[in-house]
Amino acid sequence: MDLHRALIQAEAQATGLGGNPYKLLTAVMQDPRFAWLRSFSDLIVAMDEAGDRAELPDRAALAPYLETLRDLIGPRHEAGMRIAELVPTHSEVSVAFRKIALLLEEFGA
């Protein structure tokens, strides 16, 4: 969620929506410039729903979610390409991305 939040804030700055939470929420849900972030939102929702069903945090149960995350941040996915653009200029994105990379390493995903 830290990475998701940092990416939204970075895009908000780029689009000039950083100061208006209502416009930002609307943009995240509807604006094509934010469409690449929806895959992260979908993953977070899926994990929340699995947690509600008591299917997490078992390591085996996390595997498909971590695999999806790995694919999302990879260089072949639109999100991964955009993250690569944002990391050098947005420290929050860089820090959150590094945390995710370490987490994926830890879990062997």
N, C-alpha and C. Protein backbone atom coordinates (compact mmCIF):
# COMPACT_ATOMS: atom_id res chain seq x y z
N MET A 1 0.82 -1.19 0.00
CA MET A 1 0.00 0.00 0.00
C MET A 1 0.87 1.25 0.00
N ASP A 2 2.06 1.18 0.60
CA ASP A 2 2.94 2.34 0.59
C ASP A 2 3.34 2.70 -0.84
N LEU A 3 3.65 1.69 -1.63
CA LEU A 3 4.01 1.94 -3.02
C LEU A 3 2.82 2.52 -3.78
N HIS A 4 1.67 1.96 -3.60
CA HIS A 4 0.46 2.44 -4.26
C HIS A 4 0.23 3.91 -3.92
N ARG A 5 0.32 4.24 -2.65
CA ARG A 5 0.11 5.62 -2.19
C ARG A 5 1.16 6.55 -2.80
N ALA A 6 2.42 6.13 -2.80
CA ALA A 6 3.48 6.96 -3.36
C ALA A 6 3.29 7.18 -4.86
N LEU A 7 2.85 6.14 -5.55
CA LEU A 7 2.61 6.28 -6.99
C LEU A 7 1.45 7.23 -7.28
N ILE A 8 0.40 7.13 -6.49
CA ILE A 8 -0.73 8.05 -6.67
C ILE A 8 -0.28 9.49 -6.44
N GLN A 9 0.50 9.71 -5.39
CA GLN A 9 0.96 11.07 -5.10
C GLN A 9 1.88 11.59 -6.20
N ALA A 10 2.74 10.74 -6.73
CA ALA A 10 3.62 11.15 -7.82
C ALA A 10 2.81 11.53 -9.06
N GLU A 11 1.81 10.73 -9.39
CA GLU A 11 0.95 11.05 -10.54
C GLU A 11 0.13 12.32 -10.26
N ALA A 12 -0.29 12.49 -9.01
CA ALA A 12 -1.05 13.68 -8.64
C ALA A 12 -0.21 14.93 -8.87
N GLN A 13 1.05 14.87 -8.51
CA GLN A 13 1.95 16.01 -8.74
C GLN A 13 2.10 16.27 -10.23
N ALA A 14 2.27 15.21 -10.99
CA ALA A 14 2.48 15.35 -12.43
C ALA A 14 1.25 15.92 -13.14
N THR A 15 0.08 15.65 -12.60
CA THR A 15 -1.16 16.11 -13.24
C THR A 15 -1.74 17.36 -12.59
N GLY A 16 -1.10 17.85 -11.53
CA GLY A 16 -1.58 19.05 -10.86
C GLY A 16 -2.78 18.82 -9.96
N LEU A 17 -3.01 17.59 -9.54
CA LEU A 17 -4.17 17.27 -8.71
C LEU A 17 -3.79 17.06 -7.24
N GLY A 18 -2.57 17.36 -6.88
CA GLY A 18 -2.10 17.08 -5.53
C GLY A 18 -2.84 17.80 -4.42
N GLY A 19 -3.43 18.94 -4.69
CA GLY A 19 -4.05 19.72 -3.63
C GLY A 19 -5.52 19.49 -3.41
N ASN A 20 -6.14 18.66 -4.23
CA ASN A 20 -7.58 18.47 -4.12
C ASN A 20 -7.90 16.98 -4.00
N PRO A 21 -8.13 16.49 -2.77
CA PRO A 21 -8.36 15.06 -2.58
C PRO A 21 -9.57 14.52 -3.35
N TYR A 22 -10.64 15.29 -3.48
CA TYR A 22 -11.81 14.83 -4.21
C TYR A 22 -11.50 14.63 -5.69
N LYS A 23 -10.85 15.63 -6.29
CA LYS A 23 -10.48 15.51 -7.71
C LYS A 23 -9.49 14.37 -7.92
N LEU A 24 -8.59 14.20 -6.96
CA LEU A 24 -7.62 13.12 -7.08
C LEU A 24 -8.31 11.76 -7.03
N LEU A 25 -9.22 11.58 -6.09
CA LEU A 25 -9.95 10.31 -6.00
C LEU A 25 -10.72 10.03 -7.29
N THR A 26 -11.38 11.05 -7.82
CA THR A 26 -12.11 10.89 -9.07
C THR A 26 -11.16 10.53 -10.21
N ALA A 27 -10.01 11.19 -10.25
CA ALA A 27 -9.02 10.90 -11.30
C ALA A 27 -8.49 9.48 -11.18
N VAL A 28 -8.19 9.05 -9.97
CA VAL A 28 -7.67 7.69 -9.77
C VAL A 28 -8.67 6.67 -10.28
N MET A 29 -9.95 6.93 -10.10
CA MET A 29 -10.97 5.98 -10.52
C MET A 29 -11.36 6.10 -12.00
N GLN A 30 -11.18 7.29 -12.61
CA GLN A 30 -11.74 7.48 -13.94
C GLN A 30 -10.77 8.02 -15.00
N ASP A 31 -9.77 8.74 -14.60
CA ASP A 31 -8.87 9.40 -15.56
C ASP A 31 -7.93 8.38 -16.19
N PRO A 32 -7.85 8.36 -17.52
CA PRO A 32 -6.96 7.40 -18.20
C PRO A 32 -5.49 7.53 -17.79
N ARG A 33 -5.07 8.71 -17.33
CA ARG A 33 -3.68 8.88 -16.90
C ARG A 33 -3.36 8.06 -15.65
N PHE A 34 -4.39 7.65 -14.92
CA PHE A 34 -4.20 6.86 -13.72
C PHE A 34 -4.56 5.38 -13.93
N ALA A 35 -4.95 5.03 -15.13
CA ALA A 35 -5.41 3.66 -15.41
C ALA A 35 -4.37 2.61 -15.04
N TRP A 36 -3.11 2.89 -15.25
CA TRP A 36 -2.05 1.92 -14.95
C TRP A 36 -1.98 1.59 -13.46
N LEU A 37 -2.53 2.43 -12.61
CA LEU A 37 -2.53 2.20 -11.16
C LEU A 37 -3.65 1.27 -10.72
N ARG A 38 -4.63 1.07 -11.55
CA ARG A 38 -5.79 0.26 -11.15
C ARG A 38 -5.42 -1.19 -10.88
N SER A 39 -4.40 -1.69 -11.54
CA SER A 39 -3.98 -3.07 -11.28
C SER A 39 -3.47 -3.21 -9.84
N PHE A 40 -2.83 -2.16 -9.31
CA PHE A 40 -2.42 -2.18 -7.91
C PHE A 40 -3.64 -2.14 -7.00
N SER A 41 -4.60 -1.29 -7.34
CA SER A 41 -5.83 -1.20 -6.54
C SER A 41 -6.55 -2.54 -6.52
N ASP A 42 -6.63 -3.18 -7.67
CA ASP A 42 -7.29 -4.49 -7.75
C ASP A 42 -6.58 -5.53 -6.89
N LEU A 43 -5.25 -5.51 -6.90
CA LEU A 43 -4.48 -6.44 -6.09
C LEU A 43 -4.72 -6.20 -4.59
N ILE A 44 -4.74 -4.94 -4.19
CA ILE A 44 -4.98 -4.61 -2.78
C ILE A 44 -6.37 -5.08 -2.36
N VAL A 45 -7.36 -4.85 -3.20
CA VAL A 45 -8.72 -5.29 -2.89
C VAL A 45 -8.78 -6.81 -2.77
N ALA A 46 -8.14 -7.50 -3.71
CA ALA A 46 -8.15 -8.97 -3.67
C ALA A 46 -7.50 -9.50 -2.39
N MET A 47 -6.41 -8.87 -1.98
CA MET A 47 -5.74 -9.30 -0.75
C MET A 47 -6.60 -8.99 0.48
N ASP A 48 -7.24 -7.84 0.48
CA ASP A 48 -8.15 -7.50 1.59
C ASP A 48 -9.29 -8.51 1.69
N GLU A 49 -9.85 -8.84 0.54
CA GLU A 49 -10.96 -9.80 0.54
C GLU A 49 -10.49 -11.18 1.02
N ALA A 50 -9.30 -11.59 0.61
CA ALA A 50 -8.76 -12.87 1.07
C ALA A 50 -8.53 -12.83 2.58
N GLY A 51 -8.06 -11.71 3.07
CA GLY A 51 -7.87 -11.56 4.50
C GLY A 51 -9.19 -11.63 5.25
N ASP A 52 -10.22 -11.04 4.68
CA ASP A 52 -11.55 -11.10 5.29
C ASP A 52 -12.07 -12.53 5.36
N ARG A 53 -11.65 -13.35 4.40
CA ARG A 53 -12.07 -14.75 4.39
C ARG A 53 -11.10 -15.63 5.19
N ALA A 54 -10.17 -14.99 5.88
CA ALA A 54 -9.16 -15.67 6.69
C ALA A 54 -8.25 -16.58 5.85
N GLU A 55 -8.01 -16.18 4.61
CA GLU A 55 -7.14 -16.95 3.72
C GLU A 55 -5.69 -16.47 3.79
N LEU A 56 -5.40 -15.43 4.51
CA LEU A 56 -4.06 -14.89 4.65
C LEU A 56 -3.74 -14.81 6.13
N PRO A 57 -2.55 -14.77 6.58
CA PRO A 57 -1.31 -14.53 5.86
C PRO A 57 -0.47 -15.79 5.60
N ASP A 58 -1.06 -16.93 5.51
CA ASP A 58 -0.34 -18.15 5.20
C ASP A 58 0.58 -17.92 3.99
N ARG A 59 1.82 -18.36 4.11
CA ARG A 59 2.82 -18.13 3.05
C ARG A 59 2.36 -18.67 1.69
N ALA A 60 1.78 -19.85 1.68
CA ALA A 60 1.31 -20.42 0.42
C ALA A 60 0.16 -19.60 -0.16
N ALA A 61 -0.69 -19.08 0.70
CA ALA A 61 -1.81 -18.27 0.23
C ALA A 61 -1.34 -16.94 -0.34
N LEU A 62 -0.21 -16.44 0.13
CA LEU A 62 0.33 -15.18 -0.37
C LEU A 62 0.99 -15.32 -1.74
N ALA A 63 1.43 -16.50 -2.08
CA ALA A 63 2.22 -16.71 -3.30
C ALA A 63 1.59 -16.12 -4.57
N PRO A 64 0.31 -16.36 -4.87
CA PRO A 64 -0.22 -15.80 -6.10
C PRO A 64 -0.29 -14.26 -6.09
N TYR A 65 -0.50 -13.70 -4.92
CA TYR A 65 -0.54 -12.24 -4.82
C TYR A 65 0.85 -11.65 -5.03
N LEU A 66 1.84 -12.30 -4.46
CA LEU A 66 3.22 -11.83 -4.63
C LEU A 66 3.68 -12.00 -6.07
N GLU A 67 3.23 -13.05 -6.71
CA GLU A 67 3.57 -13.26 -8.13
C GLU A 67 2.94 -12.15 -8.98
N THR A 68 1.71 -11.83 -8.69
CA THR A 68 1.04 -10.74 -9.40
C THR A 68 1.77 -9.43 -9.18
N LEU A 69 2.16 -9.17 -7.94
CA LEU A 69 2.90 -7.95 -7.63
C LEU A 69 4.23 -7.92 -8.37
N ARG A 70 4.93 -9.03 -8.38
CA ARG A 70 6.21 -9.09 -9.09
C ARG A 70 6.03 -8.76 -10.56
N ASP A 71 4.97 -9.30 -11.16
CA ASP A 71 4.70 -9.01 -12.56
C ASP A 71 4.37 -7.53 -12.77
N LEU A 72 3.59 -6.96 -11.86
CA LEU A 72 3.19 -5.55 -11.98
C LEU A 72 4.38 -4.61 -11.97
N ILE A 73 5.34 -4.89 -11.11
CA ILE A 73 6.47 -3.97 -11.00
C ILE A 73 7.61 -4.32 -11.95
N GLY A 74 7.44 -5.39 -12.70
CA GLY A 74 8.47 -5.82 -13.65
C GLY A 74 8.58 -4.89 -14.85
N PRO A 75 9.70 -4.96 -15.54
CA PRO A 75 9.97 -4.04 -16.65
C PRO A 75 9.10 -4.22 -17.88
N ARG A 76 8.36 -5.32 -17.96
CA ARG A 76 7.51 -5.56 -19.13
C ARG A 76 6.08 -5.07 -18.94
N HIS A 77 5.73 -4.77 -17.72
CA HIS A 77 4.37 -4.31 -17.41
C HIS A 77 4.34 -2.78 -17.48
N GLU A 78 3.23 -2.23 -17.92
CA GLU A 78 3.09 -0.78 -18.00
C GLU A 78 3.40 -0.12 -16.66
N ALA A 79 2.92 -0.71 -15.58
CA ALA A 79 3.18 -0.15 -14.24
C ALA A 79 4.68 -0.16 -13.93
N GLY A 80 5.33 -1.26 -14.25
CA GLY A 80 6.77 -1.35 -14.00
C GLY A 80 7.55 -0.30 -14.77
N MET A 81 7.15 -0.05 -16.01
CA MET A 81 7.81 0.96 -16.81
C MET A 81 7.60 2.35 -16.22
N ARG A 82 6.39 2.62 -15.76
CA ARG A 82 6.10 3.93 -15.17
C ARG A 82 6.84 4.09 -13.85
N ILE A 83 6.92 3.03 -13.05
CA ILE A 83 7.67 3.08 -11.80
C ILE A 83 9.12 3.41 -12.08
N ALA A 84 9.70 2.79 -13.10
CA ALA A 84 11.09 3.04 -13.45
C ALA A 84 11.31 4.52 -13.80
N GLU A 85 10.32 5.15 -14.38
CA GLU A 85 10.41 6.58 -14.69
C GLU A 85 10.33 7.44 -13.43
N LEU A 86 9.53 6.99 -12.46
CA LEU A 86 9.29 7.79 -11.25
C LEU A 86 10.36 7.63 -10.18
N VAL A 87 10.99 6.46 -10.10
CA VAL A 87 11.96 6.18 -9.04
C VAL A 87 13.06 7.25 -8.95
N PRO A 88 13.66 7.66 -10.06
CA PRO A 88 14.77 8.62 -9.94
C PRO A 88 14.35 10.01 -9.44
N THR A 89 13.11 10.37 -9.62
CA THR A 89 12.69 11.74 -9.30
C THR A 89 11.74 11.85 -8.11
N HIS A 90 11.29 10.73 -7.57
CA HIS A 90 10.35 10.74 -6.45
C HIS A 90 10.86 9.81 -5.36
N SER A 91 11.41 10.39 -4.32
CA SER A 91 12.04 9.59 -3.27
C SER A 91 11.05 8.65 -2.58
N GLU A 92 9.78 9.08 -2.44
CA GLU A 92 8.78 8.23 -1.79
C GLU A 92 8.55 6.96 -2.62
N VAL A 93 8.53 7.13 -3.92
CA VAL A 93 8.35 5.98 -4.82
C VAL A 93 9.58 5.08 -4.73
N SER A 94 10.75 5.68 -4.72
CA SER A 94 11.99 4.91 -4.65
C SER A 94 12.05 4.07 -3.37
N VAL A 95 11.74 4.68 -2.24
CA VAL A 95 11.79 3.97 -0.95
C VAL A 95 10.75 2.85 -0.92
N ALA A 96 9.53 3.14 -1.34
CA ALA A 96 8.46 2.14 -1.32
C ALA A 96 8.77 1.00 -2.30
N PHE A 97 9.31 1.34 -3.46
CA PHE A 97 9.67 0.32 -4.43
C PHE A 97 10.75 -0.60 -3.88
N ARG A 98 11.74 -0.03 -3.21
CA ARG A 98 12.81 -0.84 -2.64
C ARG A 98 12.26 -1.78 -1.57
N LYS A 99 11.32 -1.31 -0.76
CA LYS A 99 10.70 -2.16 0.26
C LYS A 99 9.99 -3.35 -0.39
N ILE A 100 9.29 -3.09 -1.48
CA ILE A 100 8.58 -4.15 -2.19
C ILE A 100 9.58 -5.15 -2.78
N ALA A 101 10.66 -4.63 -3.36
CA ALA A 101 11.67 -5.51 -3.92
C ALA A 101 12.28 -6.41 -2.85
N LEU A 102 12.55 -5.85 -1.68
CA LEU A 102 13.10 -6.64 -0.58
C LEU A 102 12.08 -7.68 -0.09
N LEU A 103 10.84 -7.30 -0.01
CA LEU A 103 9.79 -8.23 0.40
C LEU A 103 9.70 -9.40 -0.58
N LEU A 104 9.72 -9.09 -1.86
CA LEU A 104 9.64 -10.16 -2.86
C LEU A 104 10.86 -11.07 -2.79
N GLU A 105 12.02 -10.47 -2.53
CA GLU A 105 13.24 -11.29 -2.35
C GLU A 105 13.09 -12.22 -1.15
N GLU A 106 12.58 -11.67 -0.05
CA GLU A 106 12.42 -12.43 1.18
C GLU A 106 11.50 -13.63 0.96
N PHE A 107 10.45 -13.43 0.20
CA PHE A 107 9.49 -14.50 -0.06
C PHE A 107 9.86 -15.36 -1.27
N GLY A 108 10.94 -15.00 -1.93
CA GLY A 108 11.38 -15.78 -3.07
C GLY A 108 10.47 -15.66 -4.28
N ALA A 109 9.74 -14.57 -4.34
CA ALA A 109 8.82 -14.35 -5.47
C ALA A 109 9.48 -13.58 -6.58
